């Protein structure tokens, strides 16, 4: 691990770096540079674009997804730092679990060129920076990463005359909020209605898509911009126990943006659902501390998910009693994906998109499911289910696909 070599200021400030193109499935960029010349021209008088005729209206559709990650891959540096904090026996267990995690990369807004835990890095000394310092970095980096995701979306689908903006973010707080910062950066008219979904955890993307669907169903001419952005690496904890270190091993930073509308070609969004597991509220928890947000992720989570999915009533709530030929499952960790695959007796390749996102990015909290959907939109299923797990312990999801209703 190479030490950082300031000059001051040290590795505290993050700035966007050049765009790095896209992928075959959904456009993925890193912040900075222009990924698209696509533009949108909001009505000069700020009125909504209600030009969609009734005859052209359809069910709410997910038109496209753009994704973005920062430039700094911190996965190996974190693993080295974490294992050095453990005694020999626990270190061997950590190494084994890290090797089986299915994660190759995790990206961070903490600046490239030095390890965050090396001299000069954000976490160089203990006690680590307080929550105020972490939120100051969030206020700078989260809007920039979210904007990069919107630019990636524009490379696939002009965002058009946006009427509503729905933003989900669970890893930081700033006011004016990211919704207002984004609206200003995108030059959206002041009449755009904004909704901010905060601190729901990994299934917040479902809440954002569900909200967008409800808006379009109630206002068929609406065009909803959905954005999820998470900076999980701002919440490193100086832990010395294996369970929290393994939990932190999962998380990285990322953002996604999507358009939901009744006009245009896209994948229909169908019935949403929510299932809460009884007596499970302590299994996934975010605690706001003076040193960032402390994640508690119990090792019991995969077994509890598997047990819930063995219940026909739970499966019926998730599938609506329909045959499902596509699964977009939140990549919360390899053990969670394995539990879903085994409990539902899925084909070994059914969760390939989720496993690819986990491998390339780790768990990006609410942004993760959007990355999975981005990979599945090129060849969407007839009847798919987008499914995520989070605090509660709850399962949240939404049907999608060419035959979704």
Protein backbone atom coordinates (compact mmCIF):
# COMPACT_ATOMS: atom_id res chain seq x y z
CA UNK A 1 0.00 0.00 0.00
CA UNK A 2 1.64 3.23 -1.16
CA UNK A 3 1.46 6.23 1.17
CA UNK A 4 -0.15 9.37 -0.15
CA UNK A 5 2.18 12.21 -0.91
CA UNK A 6 0.21 15.46 -0.37
CA UNK A 7 1.00 18.59 -0.96
CA UNK A 8 -1.86 20.03 0.97
CA UNK A 9 -4.74 19.90 0.76
CA UNK A 10 -4.46 16.15 1.39
CA UNK A 11 -6.79 13.55 -0.08
CA UNK A 12 -9.97 15.09 1.26
CA UNK A 13 -11.48 16.92 -1.70
CA UNK A 14 -12.99 14.97 -4.55
CA UNK A 15 -13.53 16.38 -8.00
CA UNK A 16 -15.05 14.84 -11.10
CA UNK A 17 -12.76 13.06 -13.54
CA UNK A 18 -13.18 12.40 -17.26
CA UNK A 19 -16.03 10.36 -18.62
CA UNK A 20 -15.18 6.79 -19.48
CA UNK A 21 -17.90 5.73 -21.84
CA UNK A 22 -20.53 3.11 -21.50
CA UNK A 23 -21.32 -0.57 -21.44
CA UNK A 24 -23.28 -2.90 -23.67
CA UNK A 25 -26.16 -2.99 -21.21
CA UNK A 26 -26.63 0.43 -19.65
CA UNK A 27 -24.50 3.51 -20.02
CA UNK A 28 -22.00 3.74 -17.18
CA UNK A 29 -19.78 6.76 -16.74
CA UNK A 30 -17.44 8.22 -14.25
CA UNK A 31 -18.09 11.87 -13.39
CA UNK A 32 -16.76 14.63 -15.56
CA UNK A 33 -16.66 15.32 -19.25
CA UNK A 34 -19.71 15.35 -21.46
CA UNK A 35 -21.00 11.87 -22.25
CA UNK A 36 -23.74 13.15 -24.49
CA UNK A 37 -24.76 16.23 -26.40
CA UNK A 38 -28.39 15.36 -25.73
CA UNK A 39 -30.23 18.39 -24.43
CA UNK A 40 -33.64 19.18 -23.14
CA UNK A 41 -35.48 22.42 -23.39
CA UNK A 42 -37.96 22.99 -20.57
CA UNK A 43 -40.93 25.15 -21.46
CA UNK A 44 -39.95 28.79 -21.15
CA UNK A 45 -42.96 29.55 -18.99
CA UNK A 46 -42.30 26.59 -16.67
CA UNK A 47 -45.54 24.80 -17.57
CA UNK A 48 -45.64 21.03 -17.79
CA UNK A 49 -45.41 19.36 -21.17
CA UNK A 50 -48.94 18.04 -21.62
CA UNK A 51 -48.68 17.44 -25.34
CA UNK A 52 -49.10 13.69 -24.99
CA UNK A 53 -52.44 12.76 -26.49
CA UNK A 54 -54.67 10.31 -24.73
CA UNK A 55 -54.51 7.88 -27.63
CA UNK A 56 -50.74 7.54 -27.24
CA UNK A 57 -50.73 6.91 -23.51
CA UNK A 58 -49.54 3.56 -22.16
CA UNK A 59 -48.83 2.01 -18.79
CA UNK A 60 -45.91 3.60 -16.90
CA UNK A 61 -42.67 2.49 -18.53
CA UNK A 62 -39.02 2.48 -17.57
CA UNK A 63 -37.51 4.05 -20.68
CA UNK A 64 -33.78 3.85 -19.93
CA UNK A 65 -31.23 3.74 -17.10
CA UNK A 66 -27.86 5.47 -16.90
CA UNK A 67 -25.28 4.60 -14.24
CA UNK A 68 -22.10 6.14 -12.88
CA UNK A 69 -19.31 5.20 -10.48
CA UNK A 70 -16.28 7.19 -9.30
CA UNK A 71 -12.72 6.48 -10.44
CA UNK A 72 -11.13 5.16 -7.25
CA UNK A 73 -11.19 1.37 -6.71
CA UNK A 74 -10.71 0.93 -2.96
CA UNK A 75 -11.61 -2.75 -2.61
CA UNK A 76 -8.07 -4.14 -2.21
CA UNK A 77 -6.94 -1.30 0.04
CA UNK A 78 -9.88 -1.85 2.38
CA UNK A 79 -9.27 -5.60 2.53
CA UNK A 80 -5.62 -5.03 3.50
CA UNK A 81 -6.62 -2.51 6.17
CA UNK A 82 -9.39 -4.70 7.59
CA UNK A 83 -7.40 -7.94 7.82
CA UNK A 84 -4.55 -6.13 9.61
CA UNK A 85 -6.98 -5.24 12.42
CA UNK A 86 -7.83 -8.86 13.18
CA UNK A 87 -6.01 -11.57 15.15
CA UNK A 88 -4.64 -14.51 13.17
CA UNK A 89 -7.66 -16.81 13.53
CA UNK A 90 -10.19 -14.17 12.56
CA UNK A 91 -7.88 -12.98 9.79
CA UNK A 92 -7.99 -16.38 8.14
CA UNK A 93 -11.78 -16.35 8.29
CA UNK A 94 -11.85 -12.84 6.85
CA UNK A 95 -9.55 -13.83 3.99
CA UNK A 96 -11.72 -16.82 3.19
CA UNK A 97 -14.93 -14.78 3.24
CA UNK A 98 -13.38 -11.97 1.20
CA UNK A 99 -12.22 -14.47 -1.40
CA UNK A 100 -15.75 -15.89 -1.65
CA UNK A 101 -17.52 -12.50 -1.68
CA UNK A 102 -17.85 -12.36 -5.46
CA UNK A 103 -16.60 -8.76 -5.38
CA UNK A 104 -13.65 -7.64 -7.49
CA UNK A 105 -14.09 -3.85 -7.39
CA UNK A 106 -15.70 -1.20 -5.24
CA UNK A 107 -15.48 2.46 -6.19
CA UNK A 108 -15.20 5.51 -3.94
CA UNK A 109 -15.50 9.26 -4.25
CA UNK A 110 -12.48 9.47 -1.97
CA UNK A 111 -9.73 10.62 -4.33
CA UNK A 112 -7.70 8.27 -6.48
CA UNK A 113 -3.92 8.18 -6.22
CA UNK A 114 -3.78 7.14 -2.59
CA UNK A 115 -5.45 4.72 -0.25
CA UNK A 116 -8.05 6.36 2.03
CA UNK A 117 -6.40 4.63 5.00
CA UNK A 118 -2.80 5.54 4.05
CA UNK A 119 -0.94 8.61 5.36
CA UNK A 120 -2.66 11.66 3.92
CA UNK A 121 -5.89 9.78 3.24
CA UNK A 122 -9.29 10.70 4.61
CA UNK A 123 -9.11 7.88 7.18
CA UNK A 124 -5.36 8.07 7.87
CA UNK A 125 -5.67 8.54 11.63
CA UNK A 126 -8.00 7.40 14.38
CA UNK A 127 -10.37 8.64 15.51
CA UNK A 128 -11.64 8.96 11.96
CA UNK A 129 -13.25 12.19 10.74
CA UNK A 130 -16.55 13.08 12.36
CA UNK A 131 -19.97 12.99 10.76
CA UNK A 132 -19.80 16.69 9.93
CA UNK A 133 -16.67 16.24 7.81
CA UNK A 134 -18.20 13.23 6.07
CA UNK A 135 -21.41 15.12 5.30
CA UNK A 136 -19.40 18.05 3.91
CA UNK A 137 -17.80 15.63 1.47
CA UNK A 138 -21.20 14.10 0.69
CA UNK A 139 -22.63 17.55 -0.09
CA UNK A 140 -19.88 18.06 -2.66
CA UNK A 141 -19.54 14.60 -4.21
CA UNK A 142 -23.08 13.17 -4.19
CA UNK A 143 -24.63 15.78 -6.53
CA UNK A 144 -21.67 15.47 -8.92
CA UNK A 145 -21.98 11.69 -9.09
CA UNK A 146 -25.76 11.92 -9.50
CA UNK A 147 -25.31 14.40 -12.34
CA UNK A 148 -22.87 12.01 -14.03
CA UNK A 149 -25.57 9.33 -13.95
CA UNK A 150 -28.05 11.73 -15.54
CA UNK A 151 -25.54 12.50 -18.31
CA UNK A 152 -25.14 8.76 -18.87
CA UNK A 153 -28.92 8.47 -19.10
CA UNK A 154 -29.01 11.28 -21.66
CA UNK A 155 -26.62 9.30 -23.85
CA UNK A 156 -29.40 6.70 -24.20
CA UNK A 157 -32.59 8.71 -23.74
CA UNK A 158 -33.05 12.50 -23.72
CA UNK A 159 -34.67 13.33 -20.42
CA UNK A 160 -37.11 15.64 -22.17
CA UNK A 161 -39.54 17.92 -20.39
CA UNK A 162 -39.29 16.53 -16.88
CA UNK A 163 -42.35 17.18 -14.72
CA UNK A 164 -41.29 15.30 -11.58
CA UNK A 165 -37.97 14.50 -9.93
CA UNK A 166 -37.67 11.60 -7.47
CA UNK A 167 -34.32 11.21 -5.68
CA UNK A 168 -33.31 8.40 -3.32
CA UNK A 169 -30.21 8.65 -1.14
CA UNK A 170 -29.52 6.99 2.18
CA UNK A 171 -25.85 7.77 2.87
CA UNK A 172 -25.96 11.48 3.57
CA UNK A 173 -27.92 14.63 4.27
CA UNK A 174 -27.64 18.13 2.84
CA UNK A 175 -30.05 21.04 2.60
CA UNK A 176 -30.96 22.36 0.11
CA UNK A 177 -31.29 18.71 -0.86
CA UNK A 178 -29.78 16.78 -3.73
CA UNK A 179 -33.14 17.10 -5.49
CA UNK A 180 -32.84 20.89 -5.49
CA UNK A 181 -29.14 20.84 -6.39
CA UNK A 182 -29.84 18.51 -9.33
CA UNK A 183 -32.82 20.53 -10.51
CA UNK A 184 -30.67 23.65 -10.56
CA UNK A 185 -27.76 21.89 -12.32
CA UNK A 186 -30.12 20.49 -14.98
CA UNK A 187 -31.89 23.84 -15.39
CA UNK A 188 -35.25 22.25 -14.65
CA UNK A 189 -38.15 24.68 -14.32
CA UNK A 190 -39.23 25.65 -10.83
CA UNK A 191 -42.58 23.96 -11.41
CA UNK A 192 -41.00 20.49 -11.35
CA UNK A 193 -42.35 18.56 -8.36
CA UNK A 194 -39.58 17.01 -6.24
CA UNK A 195 -39.65 14.02 -3.91
CA UNK A 196 -36.67 13.00 -1.76
CA UNK A 197 -36.54 9.44 -0.38
CA UNK A 198 -33.99 9.13 2.41
CA UNK A 199 -32.55 6.55 4.77
CA UNK A 200 -34.63 3.60 3.57
CA UNK A 201 -31.55 1.59 2.66
CA UNK A 202 -31.05 -0.86 -0.18
CA UNK A 203 -34.69 -1.04 -1.29
CA UNK A 204 -35.03 2.74 -1.70
CA UNK A 205 -34.71 2.28 -5.47
CA UNK A 206 -37.96 0.31 -5.39
CA UNK A 207 -39.64 3.12 -3.44
CA UNK A 208 -38.39 5.60 -6.04
CA UNK A 209 -39.65 3.55 -9.02
CA UNK A 210 -42.92 2.84 -7.23
CA UNK A 211 -43.40 6.56 -6.59
CA UNK A 212 -42.67 7.34 -10.23
CA UNK A 213 -45.17 4.70 -11.34
CA UNK A 214 -47.88 6.10 -9.06
CA UNK A 215 -47.23 9.61 -10.42
CA UNK A 216 -47.54 8.52 -14.05
CA UNK A 217 -50.68 6.49 -13.31
CA UNK A 218 -52.30 9.54 -11.70
CA UNK A 219 -50.92 12.07 -14.21
CA UNK A 220 -50.51 10.24 -17.55
CA UNK A 221 -48.61 13.13 -19.17
CA UNK A 222 -45.97 13.14 -16.42
CA UNK A 223 -42.33 12.48 -17.21
CA UNK A 224 -40.45 11.43 -14.07
CA UNK A 225 -36.69 11.59 -13.63
CA UNK A 226 -35.63 9.03 -10.99
CA UNK A 227 -32.15 9.32 -9.43
CA UNK A 228 -30.44 7.17 -6.82
CA UNK A 229 -27.04 8.12 -5.41
CA UNK A 230 -25.09 6.54 -2.55
CA UNK A 231 -21.67 7.25 -1.04
CA UNK A 232 -21.29 4.29 1.30
CA UNK A 233 -17.49 4.61 1.54
CA UNK A 234 -17.89 7.81 3.56
CA UNK A 235 -18.90 5.67 6.53
CA UNK A 236 -15.85 3.56 7.33
CA UNK A 237 -15.83 2.53 11.00
CA UNK A 238 -12.74 1.78 13.09
CA UNK A 239 -14.01 -1.69 13.95
CA UNK A 240 -11.90 -4.58 15.24
CA UNK A 241 -14.52 -7.34 15.01
CA UNK A 242 -14.97 -9.54 11.98
CA UNK A 243 -18.74 -9.08 11.47
CA UNK A 244 -18.73 -5.28 10.91
CA UNK A 245 -15.55 -5.54 8.84
CA UNK A 246 -17.19 -8.12 6.58
CA UNK A 247 -20.27 -5.89 6.32
CA UNK A 248 -18.13 -2.92 5.25
CA UNK A 249 -16.37 -5.17 2.71
CA UNK A 250 -19.60 -5.16 0.67
CA UNK A 251 -20.19 -1.46 0.09
CA UNK A 252 -19.16 0.98 -2.63
CA UNK A 253 -20.34 4.24 -4.19
CA UNK A 254 -22.56 4.63 -7.24
CA UNK A 255 -25.44 6.51 -8.83
CA UNK A 256 -28.15 5.76 -11.36
CA UNK A 257 -30.76 7.77 -13.24
CA UNK A 258 -33.86 6.69 -15.15
CA UNK A 259 -36.90 8.07 -16.93
CA UNK A 260 -40.39 6.75 -16.18
CA UNK A 261 -43.14 7.86 -18.54
CA UNK A 262 -46.29 6.64 -20.28
CA UNK A 263 -44.91 7.87 -23.61
CA UNK A 264 -42.14 6.17 -25.54
CA UNK A 265 -40.63 2.74 -25.92
CA UNK A 266 -39.63 1.13 -22.66
CA UNK A 267 -40.31 -1.69 -20.26
CA UNK A 268 -43.66 -1.51 -18.45
CA UNK A 269 -43.61 -1.24 -14.67
CA UNK A 270 -46.24 -3.39 -13.01
CA UNK A 271 -47.52 -4.22 -9.56
CA UNK A 272 -45.37 -3.13 -6.58
CA UNK A 273 -45.23 -5.19 -3.40
CA UNK A 274 -43.84 -5.06 0.13
CA UNK A 275 -43.27 -7.88 2.60
CA UNK A 276 -41.90 -7.45 6.14
CA UNK A 277 -40.37 -10.40 7.95
CA UNK A 278 -41.57 -10.76 11.55
CA UNK A 279 -39.17 -10.20 14.47
CA UNK A 280 -36.35 -9.12 12.17
CA UNK A 281 -35.90 -5.41 12.89
CA UNK A 282 -32.44 -5.84 14.46
CA UNK A 283 -30.90 -7.71 11.52
CA UNK A 284 -30.15 -4.71 9.28
CA UNK A 285 -29.58 -1.37 10.93
CA UNK A 286 -27.96 2.01 10.23
CA UNK A 287 -26.94 3.88 13.38
CA UNK A 288 -26.04 7.56 13.02
CA UNK A 289 -22.99 8.14 15.19
CA UNK A 290 -20.52 10.96 15.74
CA UNK A 291 -18.21 9.07 13.32
CA UNK A 292 -20.54 8.52 10.39
CA UNK A 293 -23.28 5.95 9.86
CA UNK A 294 -22.50 2.57 11.40
CA UNK A 295 -23.91 -0.35 9.41
CA UNK A 296 -25.03 -3.44 11.28
CA UNK A 297 -25.61 -6.37 8.92
CA UNK A 298 -26.27 -9.60 10.77
CA UNK A 299 -24.94 -12.88 9.46
CA UNK A 300 -28.47 -14.23 9.96
CA UNK A 301 -29.86 -12.20 7.05
CA UNK A 302 -29.35 -14.80 4.26
CA UNK A 303 -30.94 -17.57 6.33
CA UNK A 304 -33.91 -15.39 7.24
CA UNK A 305 -34.42 -14.46 3.60
CA UNK A 306 -34.22 -18.10 2.56
CA UNK A 307 -36.76 -19.07 5.24
CA UNK A 308 -39.15 -16.31 4.10
CA UNK A 309 -38.88 -17.41 0.47
CA UNK A 310 -39.75 -20.96 1.50
CA UNK A 311 -43.19 -19.68 2.53
CA UNK A 312 -45.67 -19.97 -0.38
CA UNK A 313 -47.55 -16.90 0.87
CA UNK A 314 -44.40 -14.78 0.68
CA UNK A 315 -43.60 -16.07 -2.80
CA UNK A 316 -47.16 -15.32 -3.93
CA UNK A 317 -46.87 -11.78 -2.59
CA UNK A 318 -43.64 -11.30 -4.56
CA UNK A 319 -44.74 -12.91 -7.83
CA UNK A 320 -48.43 -12.07 -7.73
CA UNK A 321 -49.04 -15.73 -8.47
CA UNK A 322 -47.60 -15.25 -11.97
CA UNK A 323 -44.84 -17.13 -13.75
CA UNK A 324 -41.63 -15.09 -13.54
CA UNK A 325 -38.98 -15.37 -16.24
CA UNK A 326 -36.61 -12.63 -15.11
CA UNK A 327 -35.20 -11.68 -11.71
CA UNK A 328 -33.50 -8.36 -10.98
CA UNK A 329 -32.34 -8.97 -7.41
CA UNK A 330 -30.49 -6.35 -5.40
CA UNK A 331 -26.85 -7.44 -5.23
CA UNK A 332 -26.60 -7.17 -1.46
CA UNK A 333 -23.91 -9.83 -1.21
CA UNK A 334 -23.11 -13.24 -2.60
CA UNK A 335 -24.74 -15.06 0.31
CA UNK A 336 -27.99 -13.15 -0.22
CA UNK A 337 -28.02 -13.93 -3.94
CA UNK A 338 -27.27 -17.57 -3.18
CA UNK A 339 -30.13 -17.66 -0.67
CA UNK A 340 -32.60 -16.24 -3.21
CA UNK A 341 -31.43 -18.57 -5.97
CA UNK A 342 -31.65 -21.66 -3.76
CA UNK A 343 -34.93 -20.82 -2.05
CA UNK A 344 -36.71 -20.06 -5.33
CA UNK A 345 -35.03 -22.97 -7.18
CA UNK A 346 -33.84 -20.60 -9.91
CA UNK A 347 -31.73 -21.51 -12.90
CA UNK A 348 -28.00 -21.09 -12.11
CA UNK A 349 -27.85 -18.20 -14.60
CA UNK A 350 -31.03 -16.47 -13.44
CA UNK A 351 -29.11 -13.96 -11.31
CA UNK A 352 -26.21 -13.38 -13.70
CA UNK A 353 -26.96 -9.66 -13.98
CA UNK A 354 -27.03 -9.26 -10.19
CA UNK A 355 -23.79 -11.21 -9.76
CA UNK A 356 -22.08 -9.12 -12.46
CA UNK A 357 -23.06 -5.89 -10.69
CA UNK A 358 -21.79 -7.29 -7.38
CA UNK A 359 -18.51 -8.30 -9.00
CA UNK A 360 -17.93 -4.96 -10.71
CA UNK A 361 -19.24 -2.57 -8.05
CA UNK A 362 -20.11 -4.24 -4.76
CA UNK A 363 -23.26 -3.21 -2.92
CA UNK A 364 -24.09 0.44 -3.65
CA UNK A 365 -27.18 0.48 -1.44
CA UNK A 366 -30.18 1.92 -3.31
CA UNK A 367 -28.27 2.43 -6.58
CA UNK A 368 -27.49 -1.29 -6.92
CA UNK A 369 -30.86 -2.48 -8.15
CA UNK A 370 -30.85 0.22 -10.82
CA UNK A 371 -27.51 -1.11 -12.09
CA UNK A 372 -29.06 -4.57 -12.35
CA UNK A 373 -32.06 -3.22 -14.25
CA UNK A 374 -29.72 -1.36 -16.61
CA UNK A 375 -28.18 -4.70 -17.59
CA UNK A 376 -31.57 -6.34 -18.09
CA UNK A 377 -33.25 -3.65 -20.20
CA UNK A 378 -31.56 -4.70 -23.45
CA UNK A 379 -33.35 -8.06 -23.39
CA UNK A 380 -36.16 -7.57 -20.87
CA UNK A 381 -38.18 -10.52 -19.59
CA UNK A 382 -41.85 -10.97 -20.32
CA UNK A 383 -42.67 -11.03 -16.60
CA UNK A 384 -39.86 -9.90 -14.36
CA UNK A 385 -39.54 -9.07 -10.69
CA UNK A 386 -37.21 -6.44 -9.25
CA UNK A 387 -36.53 -7.36 -5.64
CA UNK A 388 -34.49 -5.77 -2.85
CA UNK A 389 -34.03 -6.35 0.87
CA UNK A 390 -33.33 -3.81 3.56
CA UNK A 391 -34.04 -2.59 7.08
CA UNK A 392 -37.19 -4.04 8.56
CA UNK A 393 -36.18 -6.75 7.61
CA UNK A 394 -38.33 -6.14 4.55
CA UNK A 395 -38.52 -7.15 0.91
CA UNK A 396 -39.65 -4.45 -1.49
CA UNK A 397 -40.14 -4.91 -5.19
CA UNK A 398 -41.95 -4.16 -8.38
CA UNK A 399 -42.99 -6.17 -11.44
CA UNK A 400 -41.48 -5.22 -14.78
CA UNK A 401 -41.33 -6.71 -18.26
CA UNK A 402 -42.97 -6.68 -21.65
CA UNK A 403 -46.10 -8.31 -20.22
CA UNK A 404 -46.06 -6.64 -16.79
CA UNK A 405 -49.33 -5.13 -15.67
